[in-house]
Each structure stands twice: as C-alpha cells, then as structure tokens.
Amino acid sequence: MAVTFDGVYRRSADLVTRQVLGETLVVPIRGELADLQRIFALNPVAQFIWSQLDGTKDLVAVRDGVVARFAVEPAQAEVDIVEFVAQLSEMSLITEVQAP
C-alpha cells in the first residue's frame, strides 16, 4: 500500500507495546503476527511516531510533532515518517483509516 502523507493510520489491535529496560517493544499477540521472531524494538523517534498512529492524526500532524520534539528538519522528517509507516504497513502492524 502506498503511504499518503494526508493519510490517517491506526495501530493493529493484535499488538501490545511494552517498555522494557528503557526500550519500547512492539509484540504481536494474535493471528499470524503472534510469532516471537517478530518482536520489534523502537528507537525514541520511532516510538513517538508509533504512539501518534492512533487513528485520529494524519501524517502532517505526526511530522509536526516530530519536528517539535526532535532536532530534525520538516523535509527529512517527512521522508523518514513515510518510510517507517510504509514498513509498518507492509508488516500489517498498522492500517489506514478510511475517511467517512
């Protein structure tokens, strides 16, 4: 699926997120995702983006939050966010929320 920057994305309900020793882990808990080989560790920027994918914010708002919180230019934040969201989508960890 192509990532659209005005798209709104939501984390899969088949995942849990845990803080372990200062690291954020995303753990699949059901279905085909429930495989211990597929535990994902997120760095601070990825963790922030992950936390924003709540089904209400578009990627423009996520970018603005990344720029405000981390030392990154908006253009670079956009590239990084689109790449990360595309990876999450390919792994079925998120889905795009359809407009009403």
N, C-alpha and C. Protein backbone atom coordinates (compact mmCIF):
# COMPACT_ATOMS: atom_id res chain seq x y z
N MET A 1 0.85 -1.18 0.00
CA MET A 1 0.00 0.00 0.00
C MET A 1 0.89 1.25 0.00
N ALA A 2 0.57 2.18 -0.85
CA ALA A 2 1.31 3.43 -0.89
C ALA A 2 0.89 4.31 0.29
N VAL A 3 1.87 4.88 0.94
CA VAL A 3 1.60 5.75 2.07
C VAL A 3 1.28 7.14 1.56
N THR A 4 0.16 7.69 2.03
CA THR A 4 -0.21 9.06 1.68
C THR A 4 0.03 9.95 2.88
N PHE A 5 0.63 11.10 2.64
CA PHE A 5 1.02 11.95 3.76
C PHE A 5 -0.18 12.58 4.45
N ASP A 6 -1.30 12.67 3.77
CA ASP A 6 -2.50 13.16 4.43
C ASP A 6 -3.34 12.00 4.99
N GLY A 7 -2.80 10.79 4.90
CA GLY A 7 -3.49 9.62 5.42
C GLY A 7 -3.47 9.56 6.94
N VAL A 8 -4.44 8.84 7.47
CA VAL A 8 -4.55 8.62 8.91
C VAL A 8 -4.39 7.12 9.14
N TYR A 9 -3.53 6.75 10.07
CA TYR A 9 -3.21 5.35 10.31
C TYR A 9 -3.47 4.97 11.76
N ARG A 10 -3.77 3.68 11.95
CA ARG A 10 -4.07 3.17 13.29
C ARG A 10 -3.25 1.89 13.50
N ARG A 11 -2.75 1.75 14.73
CA ARG A 11 -2.02 0.54 15.10
C ARG A 11 -2.97 -0.64 15.13
N SER A 12 -2.47 -1.81 14.79
CA SER A 12 -3.27 -3.03 14.84
C SER A 12 -3.66 -3.34 16.28
N ALA A 13 -4.85 -3.88 16.45
CA ALA A 13 -5.31 -4.28 17.79
C ALA A 13 -4.65 -5.57 18.24
N ASP A 14 -3.95 -6.24 17.34
CA ASP A 14 -3.31 -7.52 17.65
C ASP A 14 -1.89 -7.35 18.17
N LEU A 15 -1.59 -6.18 18.74
CA LEU A 15 -0.25 -5.88 19.22
C LEU A 15 -0.32 -5.29 20.61
N VAL A 16 0.73 -5.48 21.38
CA VAL A 16 0.89 -4.76 22.63
C VAL A 16 2.24 -4.05 22.58
N THR A 17 2.30 -2.94 23.26
CA THR A 17 3.55 -2.18 23.36
C THR A 17 3.97 -2.18 24.82
N ARG A 18 5.25 -2.49 25.05
CA ARG A 18 5.78 -2.55 26.41
C ARG A 18 7.11 -1.82 26.48
N GLN A 19 7.35 -1.20 27.62
CA GLN A 19 8.65 -0.59 27.92
C GLN A 19 9.46 -1.61 28.71
N VAL A 20 10.63 -1.97 28.21
CA VAL A 20 11.50 -2.92 28.89
C VAL A 20 12.91 -2.34 28.90
N LEU A 21 13.40 -2.07 30.10
CA LEU A 21 14.75 -1.53 30.25
C LEU A 21 14.98 -0.30 29.38
N GLY A 22 13.99 0.59 29.36
CA GLY A 22 14.11 1.83 28.62
C GLY A 22 13.91 1.71 27.11
N GLU A 23 13.55 0.54 26.65
CA GLU A 23 13.33 0.33 25.22
C GLU A 23 11.86 -0.01 24.99
N THR A 24 11.30 0.52 23.90
CA THR A 24 9.92 0.22 23.55
C THR A 24 9.88 -0.99 22.64
N LEU A 25 9.10 -1.99 23.05
CA LEU A 25 8.93 -3.21 22.27
C LEU A 25 7.49 -3.32 21.79
N VAL A 26 7.32 -3.71 20.54
CA VAL A 26 6.00 -3.98 19.97
C VAL A 26 5.93 -5.49 19.78
N VAL A 27 4.91 -6.09 20.42
CA VAL A 27 4.81 -7.55 20.44
C VAL A 27 3.48 -7.99 19.85
N PRO A 28 3.51 -8.75 18.76
CA PRO A 28 2.28 -9.31 18.20
C PRO A 28 1.70 -10.35 19.18
N ILE A 29 0.36 -10.34 19.35
CA ILE A 29 -0.24 -11.26 20.32
C ILE A 29 -1.27 -12.21 19.73
N ARG A 30 -1.70 -11.99 18.49
CA ARG A 30 -2.72 -12.86 17.88
C ARG A 30 -2.45 -13.08 16.41
N GLY A 31 -3.10 -14.11 15.90
CA GLY A 31 -3.07 -14.38 14.48
C GLY A 31 -1.68 -14.71 13.97
N GLU A 32 -1.47 -14.46 12.70
CA GLU A 32 -0.18 -14.74 12.08
C GLU A 32 0.92 -13.87 12.65
N LEU A 33 0.56 -12.74 13.20
CA LEU A 33 1.57 -11.86 13.78
C LEU A 33 2.17 -12.42 15.06
N ALA A 34 1.43 -13.30 15.75
CA ALA A 34 1.87 -13.80 17.05
C ALA A 34 3.02 -14.79 16.87
N ASP A 35 4.17 -14.24 16.64
CA ASP A 35 5.38 -15.02 16.41
C ASP A 35 6.50 -14.33 17.17
N LEU A 36 7.11 -15.03 18.10
CA LEU A 36 8.15 -14.41 18.92
C LEU A 36 9.34 -13.95 18.09
N GLN A 37 9.45 -14.41 16.86
CA GLN A 37 10.52 -13.95 15.98
C GLN A 37 10.22 -12.54 15.47
N ARG A 38 8.99 -12.06 15.73
CA ARG A 38 8.56 -10.76 15.21
C ARG A 38 8.29 -9.76 16.32
N ILE A 39 9.21 -9.64 17.24
CA ILE A 39 9.13 -8.60 18.26
C ILE A 39 9.95 -7.43 17.73
N PHE A 40 9.39 -6.24 17.81
CA PHE A 40 10.03 -5.07 17.22
C PHE A 40 10.46 -4.10 18.32
N ALA A 41 11.71 -3.65 18.25
CA ALA A 41 12.24 -2.65 19.18
C ALA A 41 12.24 -1.30 18.46
N LEU A 42 11.75 -0.27 19.14
CA LEU A 42 11.64 1.05 18.53
C LEU A 42 12.59 2.03 19.20
N ASN A 43 13.28 2.83 18.38
CA ASN A 43 14.10 3.90 18.94
C ASN A 43 13.18 5.04 19.37
N PRO A 44 13.69 6.07 20.04
CA PRO A 44 12.81 7.13 20.55
C PRO A 44 11.96 7.82 19.48
N VAL A 45 12.52 8.09 18.31
CA VAL A 45 11.74 8.74 17.26
C VAL A 45 10.65 7.80 16.74
N ALA A 46 11.02 6.54 16.49
CA ALA A 46 10.04 5.55 16.03
C ALA A 46 8.95 5.35 17.08
N GLN A 47 9.33 5.35 18.35
CA GLN A 47 8.35 5.18 19.43
C GLN A 47 7.37 6.35 19.42
N PHE A 48 7.87 7.56 19.23
CA PHE A 48 6.98 8.72 19.18
C PHE A 48 6.01 8.61 18.00
N ILE A 49 6.54 8.26 16.82
CA ILE A 49 5.67 8.11 15.64
C ILE A 49 4.63 7.03 15.92
N TRP A 50 5.07 5.90 16.44
CA TRP A 50 4.17 4.78 16.75
C TRP A 50 3.04 5.25 17.68
N SER A 51 3.40 6.03 18.68
CA SER A 51 2.39 6.49 19.65
C SER A 51 1.37 7.42 19.02
N GLN A 52 1.76 8.09 17.93
CA GLN A 52 0.86 9.03 17.26
C GLN A 52 -0.10 8.36 16.28
N LEU A 53 0.17 7.11 15.93
CA LEU A 53 -0.66 6.40 14.95
C LEU A 53 -1.89 5.82 15.66
N ASP A 54 -2.78 6.72 16.05
CA ASP A 54 -3.94 6.35 16.88
C ASP A 54 -5.26 6.38 16.12
N GLY A 55 -5.18 6.60 14.81
CA GLY A 55 -6.40 6.63 14.01
C GLY A 55 -7.08 7.98 13.97
N THR A 56 -6.46 9.01 14.56
CA THR A 56 -7.06 10.35 14.55
C THR A 56 -6.18 11.40 13.91
N LYS A 57 -4.87 11.18 13.86
CA LYS A 57 -3.93 12.20 13.35
C LYS A 57 -3.45 11.80 11.96
N ASP A 58 -3.38 12.79 11.07
CA ASP A 58 -2.76 12.50 9.78
C ASP A 58 -1.25 12.62 9.92
N LEU A 59 -0.53 12.21 8.89
CA LEU A 59 0.93 12.21 8.98
C LEU A 59 1.51 13.62 9.02
N VAL A 60 0.76 14.62 8.55
CA VAL A 60 1.21 16.00 8.68
C VAL A 60 1.32 16.37 10.16
N ALA A 61 0.32 16.01 10.95
CA ALA A 61 0.35 16.29 12.39
C ALA A 61 1.47 15.50 13.06
N VAL A 62 1.68 14.27 12.62
CA VAL A 62 2.77 13.45 13.17
C VAL A 62 4.11 14.13 12.86
N ARG A 63 4.28 14.57 11.61
CA ARG A 63 5.52 15.28 11.24
C ARG A 63 5.74 16.51 12.10
N ASP A 64 4.69 17.29 12.30
CA ASP A 64 4.82 18.49 13.11
C ASP A 64 5.25 18.14 14.54
N GLY A 65 4.74 17.05 15.08
CA GLY A 65 5.15 16.60 16.41
C GLY A 65 6.59 16.16 16.45
N VAL A 66 7.03 15.46 15.42
CA VAL A 66 8.43 15.01 15.35
C VAL A 66 9.36 16.22 15.27
N VAL A 67 9.02 17.18 14.43
CA VAL A 67 9.85 18.38 14.28
C VAL A 67 9.92 19.16 15.58
N ALA A 68 8.81 19.26 16.30
CA ALA A 68 8.79 20.00 17.56
C ALA A 68 9.57 19.29 18.66
N ARG A 69 9.60 17.97 18.62
CA ARG A 69 10.20 17.19 19.71
C ARG A 69 11.66 16.81 19.47
N PHE A 70 12.04 16.65 18.21
CA PHE A 70 13.38 16.17 17.87
C PHE A 70 14.07 17.19 16.95
N ALA A 71 15.38 17.15 16.92
CA ALA A 71 16.16 18.08 16.10
C ALA A 71 16.22 17.56 14.66
N VAL A 72 15.16 17.83 13.91
CA VAL A 72 15.09 17.37 12.52
C VAL A 72 14.32 18.39 11.69
N GLU A 73 14.74 18.53 10.45
CA GLU A 73 14.06 19.44 9.52
C GLU A 73 12.77 18.79 9.03
N PRO A 74 11.74 19.57 8.74
CA PRO A 74 10.46 19.00 8.27
C PRO A 74 10.60 18.08 7.06
N ALA A 75 11.43 18.45 6.08
CA ALA A 75 11.56 17.62 4.87
C ALA A 75 12.14 16.26 5.21
N GLN A 76 13.15 16.23 6.08
CA GLN A 76 13.75 14.95 6.46
C GLN A 76 12.77 14.13 7.30
N ALA A 77 12.02 14.81 8.18
CA ALA A 77 11.02 14.11 8.99
C ALA A 77 9.98 13.44 8.09
N GLU A 78 9.55 14.13 7.03
CA GLU A 78 8.55 13.56 6.11
C GLU A 78 9.08 12.28 5.46
N VAL A 79 10.31 12.34 4.97
CA VAL A 79 10.91 11.17 4.31
C VAL A 79 10.97 10.00 5.29
N ASP A 80 11.46 10.27 6.50
CA ASP A 80 11.61 9.20 7.50
C ASP A 80 10.27 8.63 7.93
N ILE A 81 9.27 9.49 8.11
CA ILE A 81 7.95 9.04 8.54
C ILE A 81 7.31 8.17 7.46
N VAL A 82 7.35 8.61 6.23
CA VAL A 82 6.75 7.83 5.13
C VAL A 82 7.43 6.47 5.04
N GLU A 83 8.75 6.43 5.14
CA GLU A 83 9.48 5.16 5.08
C GLU A 83 9.08 4.23 6.23
N PHE A 84 9.03 4.77 7.45
CA PHE A 84 8.67 3.97 8.62
C PHE A 84 7.23 3.48 8.53
N VAL A 85 6.31 4.35 8.16
CA VAL A 85 4.90 3.97 8.05
C VAL A 85 4.72 2.92 6.95
N ALA A 86 5.45 3.03 5.86
CA ALA A 86 5.38 2.03 4.80
C ALA A 86 5.84 0.67 5.31
N GLN A 87 6.91 0.65 6.10
CA GLN A 87 7.40 -0.61 6.68
C GLN A 87 6.36 -1.21 7.62
N LEU A 88 5.77 -0.37 8.47
CA LEU A 88 4.74 -0.85 9.39
C LEU A 88 3.55 -1.42 8.63
N SER A 89 3.17 -0.74 7.56
CA SER A 89 2.04 -1.19 6.76
C SER A 89 2.34 -2.53 6.09
N GLU A 90 3.53 -2.67 5.52
CA GLU A 90 3.93 -3.92 4.87
C GLU A 90 3.90 -5.10 5.84
N MET A 91 4.20 -4.83 7.10
CA MET A 91 4.21 -5.89 8.12
C MET A 91 2.85 -6.07 8.79
N SER A 92 1.83 -5.36 8.29
CA SER A 92 0.47 -5.41 8.82
C SER A 92 0.39 -4.99 10.29
N LEU A 93 1.27 -4.08 10.70
CA LEU A 93 1.24 -3.58 12.06
C LEU A 93 0.33 -2.37 12.21
N ILE A 94 0.00 -1.74 11.07
CA ILE A 94 -0.92 -0.60 11.06
C ILE A 94 -1.85 -0.75 9.86
N THR A 95 -2.95 -0.01 9.91
CA THR A 95 -3.86 0.07 8.78
C THR A 95 -4.25 1.52 8.57
N GLU A 96 -4.55 1.85 7.34
CA GLU A 96 -5.02 3.21 7.05
C GLU A 96 -6.50 3.31 7.41
N VAL A 97 -6.85 4.38 8.07
CA VAL A 97 -8.24 4.62 8.46
C VAL A 97 -8.94 5.24 7.27
N GLN A 98 -10.06 4.68 6.89
CA GLN A 98 -10.83 5.21 5.76
C GLN A 98 -11.63 6.43 6.18
N ALA A 99 -11.62 7.43 5.32
CA ALA A 99 -12.41 8.64 5.60
C ALA A 99 -13.90 8.28 5.57
N PRO A 100 -14.70 8.93 6.42
CA PRO A 100 -16.15 8.64 6.44
C PRO A 100 -16.83 9.02 5.17
